[in-house]
């Protein structure tokens, strides 16, 4: 996977945090808080792929358009940013050498923790 930072998604996440639309949960909560495949499908049906992309900090331009495989590093539940998701994706991005995504998530986490 050659995920690159989705700058529109980062701006969306920052905007949500600044508006207070954030869940300040714990690191290990993401497995319970992450949207299910059915939740994702429902969101895509209602809002489309462009809005779905705005909830993922990673995008693989080599993957087929309008597929979930194109998007990675989700940070929320389609209504709020989850701190646990940001923590999880920061370490995962660093682990797989997605330095631009790891750096952006670290800054996003700092913004969340300031609030």
N, C-alpha and C. Protein backbone atom coordinates (compact mmCIF):
# COMPACT_ATOMS: atom_id res chain seq x y z
N UNK A 1 0.84 -1.18 0.00
CA UNK A 1 0.00 0.00 0.00
C UNK A 1 0.89 1.24 0.00
N UNK A 2 0.56 2.16 -0.86
CA UNK A 2 1.31 3.41 -0.95
C UNK A 2 0.43 4.58 -0.52
N UNK A 3 -0.01 4.53 0.70
CA UNK A 3 -0.91 5.57 1.21
C UNK A 3 -0.17 6.89 1.36
N UNK A 4 -0.83 7.92 0.91
CA UNK A 4 -0.34 9.29 1.06
C UNK A 4 -1.32 10.05 1.94
N UNK A 5 -0.84 11.09 2.56
CA UNK A 5 -1.69 11.91 3.42
C UNK A 5 -2.82 12.53 2.61
N UNK A 6 -4.03 12.33 3.08
CA UNK A 6 -5.22 12.94 2.50
C UNK A 6 -5.40 14.29 3.20
N UNK A 7 -4.94 15.35 2.56
CA UNK A 7 -4.94 16.67 3.19
C UNK A 7 -6.35 17.19 3.46
N UNK A 8 -7.28 16.86 2.60
CA UNK A 8 -8.68 17.29 2.83
C UNK A 8 -9.22 16.63 4.09
N UNK A 9 -8.88 15.38 4.31
CA UNK A 9 -9.33 14.67 5.52
C UNK A 9 -8.69 15.27 6.76
N UNK A 10 -7.42 15.64 6.67
CA UNK A 10 -6.75 16.26 7.81
C UNK A 10 -7.42 17.58 8.17
N UNK A 11 -7.75 18.37 7.17
CA UNK A 11 -8.44 19.64 7.44
C UNK A 11 -9.82 19.39 8.03
N UNK A 12 -10.50 18.36 7.55
CA UNK A 12 -11.81 18.00 8.09
C UNK A 12 -11.68 17.61 9.57
N UNK A 13 -10.69 16.80 9.88
CA UNK A 13 -10.46 16.37 11.26
C UNK A 13 -10.15 17.56 12.16
N UNK A 14 -9.27 18.44 11.71
CA UNK A 14 -8.93 19.64 12.50
C UNK A 14 -10.17 20.49 12.76
N UNK A 15 -10.97 20.65 11.74
CA UNK A 15 -12.19 21.45 11.87
C UNK A 15 -13.13 20.84 12.91
N UNK A 16 -13.30 19.52 12.86
CA UNK A 16 -14.15 18.85 13.83
C UNK A 16 -13.64 19.02 15.26
N UNK A 17 -12.33 18.88 15.42
CA UNK A 17 -11.75 19.03 16.76
C UNK A 17 -11.97 20.45 17.27
N UNK A 18 -11.75 21.44 16.42
CA UNK A 18 -11.93 22.83 16.83
C UNK A 18 -13.38 23.13 17.20
N UNK A 19 -14.32 22.40 16.60
CA UNK A 19 -15.74 22.57 16.92
C UNK A 19 -16.17 21.74 18.13
N UNK A 20 -15.22 21.00 18.70
CA UNK A 20 -15.52 20.18 19.86
C UNK A 20 -16.15 18.84 19.54
N UNK A 21 -16.14 18.46 18.28
CA UNK A 21 -16.73 17.18 17.87
C UNK A 21 -15.67 16.09 17.97
N UNK A 22 -15.35 15.75 19.22
CA UNK A 22 -14.29 14.79 19.50
C UNK A 22 -14.69 13.94 20.70
N UNK A 23 -14.29 12.69 20.65
CA UNK A 23 -14.49 11.77 21.78
C UNK A 23 -13.11 11.54 22.38
N UNK A 24 -12.95 11.91 23.63
CA UNK A 24 -11.65 11.77 24.31
C UNK A 24 -11.62 10.42 25.03
N UNK A 25 -11.50 9.40 24.24
CA UNK A 25 -11.51 8.04 24.76
C UNK A 25 -10.09 7.51 24.90
N UNK A 26 -9.97 6.29 25.34
CA UNK A 26 -8.66 5.68 25.61
C UNK A 26 -8.16 4.89 24.40
N UNK A 27 -6.87 4.69 24.37
CA UNK A 27 -6.18 4.06 23.25
C UNK A 27 -6.86 2.79 22.74
N UNK A 28 -7.20 1.89 23.62
CA UNK A 28 -7.70 0.59 23.20
C UNK A 28 -9.20 0.57 22.87
N UNK A 29 -9.86 1.71 22.92
CA UNK A 29 -11.30 1.77 22.67
C UNK A 29 -11.67 1.69 21.19
N UNK A 30 -10.72 1.92 20.29
CA UNK A 30 -11.05 2.01 18.88
C UNK A 30 -11.66 0.73 18.32
N UNK A 31 -11.24 -0.42 18.80
CA UNK A 31 -11.81 -1.67 18.28
C UNK A 31 -13.32 -1.73 18.54
N UNK A 32 -13.78 -1.09 19.60
CA UNK A 32 -15.21 -1.06 19.90
C UNK A 32 -15.91 0.14 19.26
N UNK A 33 -15.19 1.22 19.01
CA UNK A 33 -15.80 2.45 18.51
C UNK A 33 -15.75 2.59 17.00
N UNK A 34 -14.90 1.82 16.35
CA UNK A 34 -14.76 1.93 14.89
C UNK A 34 -16.05 1.55 14.18
N UNK A 35 -16.40 2.27 13.13
CA UNK A 35 -17.59 1.91 12.37
C UNK A 35 -17.47 0.51 11.78
N UNK A 36 -18.57 -0.20 11.76
CA UNK A 36 -18.60 -1.53 11.15
C UNK A 36 -18.65 -1.40 9.63
N UNK A 37 -18.45 -2.50 8.95
CA UNK A 37 -18.56 -2.50 7.49
C UNK A 37 -19.95 -2.04 7.05
N UNK A 38 -20.97 -2.44 7.78
CA UNK A 38 -22.33 -2.00 7.46
C UNK A 38 -22.49 -0.49 7.67
N UNK A 39 -21.88 0.03 8.74
CA UNK A 39 -21.91 1.48 8.98
C UNK A 39 -21.23 2.22 7.83
N UNK A 40 -20.09 1.71 7.40
CA UNK A 40 -19.37 2.32 6.28
C UNK A 40 -20.21 2.30 5.01
N UNK A 41 -20.81 1.16 4.72
CA UNK A 41 -21.64 1.04 3.51
C UNK A 41 -22.82 2.00 3.55
N UNK A 42 -23.45 2.09 4.69
CA UNK A 42 -24.58 3.00 4.85
C UNK A 42 -24.14 4.45 4.64
N UNK A 43 -22.99 4.81 5.22
CA UNK A 43 -22.49 6.17 5.06
C UNK A 43 -22.20 6.47 3.59
N UNK A 44 -21.56 5.54 2.91
CA UNK A 44 -21.24 5.72 1.49
C UNK A 44 -22.52 5.88 0.67
N UNK A 45 -23.53 5.05 0.96
CA UNK A 45 -24.80 5.14 0.24
C UNK A 45 -25.47 6.50 0.43
N UNK A 46 -25.37 7.05 1.64
CA UNK A 46 -26.03 8.32 1.94
C UNK A 46 -25.22 9.54 1.51
N UNK A 47 -23.89 9.45 1.63
CA UNK A 47 -23.05 10.63 1.46
C UNK A 47 -22.07 10.57 0.30
N UNK A 48 -21.78 9.38 -0.21
CA UNK A 48 -20.87 9.25 -1.34
C UNK A 48 -19.42 9.05 -0.93
N UNK A 49 -18.63 8.75 -1.94
CA UNK A 49 -17.22 8.42 -1.73
C UNK A 49 -16.38 9.62 -1.30
N UNK A 50 -16.72 10.80 -1.79
CA UNK A 50 -15.93 11.98 -1.43
C UNK A 50 -16.01 12.25 0.07
N UNK A 51 -17.21 12.16 0.62
CA UNK A 51 -17.37 12.35 2.06
C UNK A 51 -16.73 11.21 2.85
N UNK A 52 -16.83 9.99 2.33
CA UNK A 52 -16.19 8.85 2.98
C UNK A 52 -14.68 9.08 3.06
N UNK A 53 -14.10 9.58 1.98
CA UNK A 53 -12.66 9.84 1.94
C UNK A 53 -12.23 10.84 3.01
N UNK A 54 -13.10 11.79 3.33
CA UNK A 54 -12.75 12.82 4.32
C UNK A 54 -12.64 12.28 5.73
N UNK A 55 -12.97 11.03 5.94
CA UNK A 55 -12.84 10.41 7.26
C UNK A 55 -11.62 9.48 7.34
N UNK A 56 -10.72 9.58 6.35
CA UNK A 56 -9.54 8.72 6.28
C UNK A 56 -8.31 9.55 5.94
N UNK A 57 -7.30 9.48 6.80
CA UNK A 57 -6.10 10.28 6.57
C UNK A 57 -5.18 9.71 5.50
N UNK A 58 -5.42 8.46 5.10
CA UNK A 58 -4.60 7.85 4.07
C UNK A 58 -5.40 7.57 2.81
N UNK A 59 -4.77 7.80 1.66
CA UNK A 59 -5.40 7.47 0.38
C UNK A 59 -4.35 6.87 -0.54
N UNK A 60 -4.69 5.75 -1.15
CA UNK A 60 -3.81 5.06 -2.08
C UNK A 60 -4.31 5.32 -3.49
N UNK A 61 -3.65 6.22 -4.19
CA UNK A 61 -4.07 6.60 -5.54
C UNK A 61 -3.96 5.46 -6.53
N UNK A 62 -3.20 4.42 -6.20
CA UNK A 62 -3.06 3.27 -7.09
C UNK A 62 -4.24 2.30 -6.96
N UNK A 63 -4.99 2.41 -5.88
CA UNK A 63 -6.14 1.53 -5.68
C UNK A 63 -7.32 2.04 -6.51
N UNK A 64 -8.22 1.15 -6.82
CA UNK A 64 -9.39 1.50 -7.63
C UNK A 64 -10.21 2.58 -6.93
N UNK A 65 -10.71 3.51 -7.74
CA UNK A 65 -11.58 4.55 -7.20
C UNK A 65 -12.87 3.92 -6.73
N UNK A 66 -13.49 4.58 -5.79
CA UNK A 66 -14.77 4.15 -5.24
C UNK A 66 -14.72 2.72 -4.70
N UNK A 67 -13.63 2.44 -3.98
CA UNK A 67 -13.50 1.19 -3.23
C UNK A 67 -12.96 1.54 -1.85
N UNK A 68 -13.36 0.77 -0.88
CA UNK A 68 -12.86 1.01 0.47
C UNK A 68 -11.36 0.80 0.56
N UNK A 69 -10.81 -0.05 -0.28
CA UNK A 69 -9.38 -0.31 -0.28
C UNK A 69 -8.53 0.90 -0.63
N UNK A 70 -9.14 1.90 -1.20
CA UNK A 70 -8.41 3.11 -1.56
C UNK A 70 -8.10 3.97 -0.32
N UNK A 71 -8.90 3.81 0.72
CA UNK A 71 -8.81 4.68 1.89
C UNK A 71 -8.34 3.93 3.13
N UNK A 72 -7.50 4.59 3.93
CA UNK A 72 -6.96 3.96 5.14
C UNK A 72 -6.80 5.02 6.22
N UNK A 73 -6.50 4.55 7.40
CA UNK A 73 -6.26 5.41 8.56
C UNK A 73 -7.50 6.24 8.92
N UNK A 74 -8.60 5.55 9.25
CA UNK A 74 -9.82 6.26 9.68
C UNK A 74 -9.63 6.88 11.06
N UNK A 75 -10.25 8.03 11.28
CA UNK A 75 -10.06 8.73 12.55
C UNK A 75 -11.35 9.00 13.31
N UNK A 76 -12.47 8.51 12.83
CA UNK A 76 -13.71 8.79 13.54
C UNK A 76 -14.86 7.91 13.12
N UNK A 77 -16.03 8.26 13.65
CA UNK A 77 -17.24 7.44 13.47
C UNK A 77 -18.25 8.09 12.53
N UNK A 78 -17.81 9.00 11.68
CA UNK A 78 -18.63 9.75 10.72
C UNK A 78 -19.43 10.87 11.37
N UNK A 79 -19.23 11.11 12.65
CA UNK A 79 -19.81 12.28 13.30
C UNK A 79 -18.78 13.00 14.16
N UNK A 80 -17.85 12.25 14.77
CA UNK A 80 -16.85 12.82 15.66
C UNK A 80 -15.49 12.15 15.46
N UNK A 81 -14.45 12.90 15.78
CA UNK A 81 -13.09 12.37 15.81
C UNK A 81 -12.94 11.59 17.10
N UNK A 82 -12.32 10.43 17.03
CA UNK A 82 -12.06 9.64 18.23
C UNK A 82 -10.57 9.68 18.55
N UNK A 83 -10.27 10.10 19.75
CA UNK A 83 -8.88 10.15 20.19
C UNK A 83 -8.22 8.79 20.07
N UNK A 84 -8.95 7.74 20.42
CA UNK A 84 -8.39 6.38 20.34
C UNK A 84 -8.00 6.02 18.91
N UNK A 85 -8.78 6.48 17.93
CA UNK A 85 -8.46 6.20 16.53
C UNK A 85 -7.18 6.92 16.12
N UNK A 86 -7.05 8.17 16.55
CA UNK A 86 -5.87 8.96 16.20
C UNK A 86 -4.62 8.33 16.80
N UNK A 87 -4.70 7.89 18.05
CA UNK A 87 -3.55 7.23 18.69
C UNK A 87 -3.19 5.96 17.92
N UNK A 88 -4.19 5.18 17.60
CA UNK A 88 -3.98 3.92 16.90
C UNK A 88 -3.35 4.14 15.53
N UNK A 89 -3.87 5.09 14.79
CA UNK A 89 -3.34 5.27 13.45
C UNK A 89 -1.98 5.95 13.44
N UNK A 90 -1.68 6.72 14.48
CA UNK A 90 -0.34 7.32 14.56
C UNK A 90 0.72 6.23 14.65
N UNK A 91 0.51 5.27 15.54
CA UNK A 91 1.51 4.21 15.69
C UNK A 91 1.55 3.30 14.46
N UNK A 92 0.39 3.04 13.87
CA UNK A 92 0.35 2.19 12.68
C UNK A 92 1.03 2.87 11.49
N UNK A 93 0.81 4.18 11.33
CA UNK A 93 1.45 4.91 10.25
C UNK A 93 2.97 4.91 10.41
N UNK A 94 3.43 5.12 11.63
CA UNK A 94 4.88 5.10 11.89
C UNK A 94 5.45 3.71 11.64
N UNK A 95 4.73 2.69 12.06
CA UNK A 95 5.19 1.31 11.89
C UNK A 95 5.41 0.96 10.41
N UNK A 96 4.58 1.51 9.54
CA UNK A 96 4.66 1.18 8.11
C UNK A 96 5.28 2.31 7.29
N UNK A 97 6.02 3.19 7.96
CA UNK A 97 6.80 4.25 7.31
C UNK A 97 5.97 5.22 6.49
N UNK A 98 4.78 5.52 6.95
CA UNK A 98 3.96 6.57 6.34
C UNK A 98 4.21 7.83 7.16
N UNK A 99 5.40 8.39 6.97
CA UNK A 99 5.86 9.47 7.83
C UNK A 99 4.97 10.71 7.79
N UNK A 100 4.44 11.05 6.62
CA UNK A 100 3.59 12.23 6.52
C UNK A 100 2.29 12.04 7.31
N UNK A 101 1.75 10.83 7.28
CA UNK A 101 0.53 10.54 8.02
C UNK A 101 0.82 10.50 9.52
N UNK A 102 1.93 9.88 9.90
CA UNK A 102 2.30 9.81 11.32
C UNK A 102 2.50 11.21 11.90
N UNK A 103 3.16 12.08 11.15
CA UNK A 103 3.39 13.45 11.62
C UNK A 103 2.07 14.19 11.76
N UNK A 104 1.19 14.05 10.78
CA UNK A 104 -0.10 14.74 10.83
C UNK A 104 -0.95 14.24 12.00
N UNK A 105 -0.90 12.94 12.28
CA UNK A 105 -1.70 12.42 13.38
C UNK A 105 -1.15 12.86 14.73
N UNK A 106 0.16 12.97 14.82
CA UNK A 106 0.74 13.46 16.07
C UNK A 106 0.28 14.88 16.34
N UNK A 107 0.26 15.71 15.31
CA UNK A 107 -0.21 17.09 15.46
C UNK A 107 -1.70 17.12 15.78
N UNK A 108 -2.47 16.23 15.17
CA UNK A 108 -3.90 16.16 15.45
C UNK A 108 -4.15 15.73 16.90
N UNK A 109 -3.38 14.79 17.38
CA UNK A 109 -3.51 14.35 18.76
C UNK A 109 -3.19 15.50 19.73
N UNK A 110 -2.18 16.27 19.42
CA UNK A 110 -1.84 17.42 20.25
C UNK A 110 -3.00 18.42 20.27
N UNK A 111 -3.63 18.64 19.13
CA UNK A 111 -4.77 19.54 19.05
C UNK A 111 -5.93 19.02 19.91
N UNK A 112 -6.16 17.72 19.86
CA UNK A 112 -7.22 17.11 20.67
C UNK A 112 -6.91 17.30 22.15
N UNK A 113 -5.67 17.04 22.54
CA UNK A 113 -5.31 17.09 23.96
C UNK A 113 -5.25 18.52 24.51
N UNK A 114 -5.12 19.50 23.63
CA UNK A 114 -5.15 20.91 24.07
C UNK A 114 -6.55 21.33 24.49
N UNK A 115 -7.55 20.70 23.84
CA UNK A 115 -8.95 21.14 24.04
C UNK A 115 -9.57 20.73 25.32
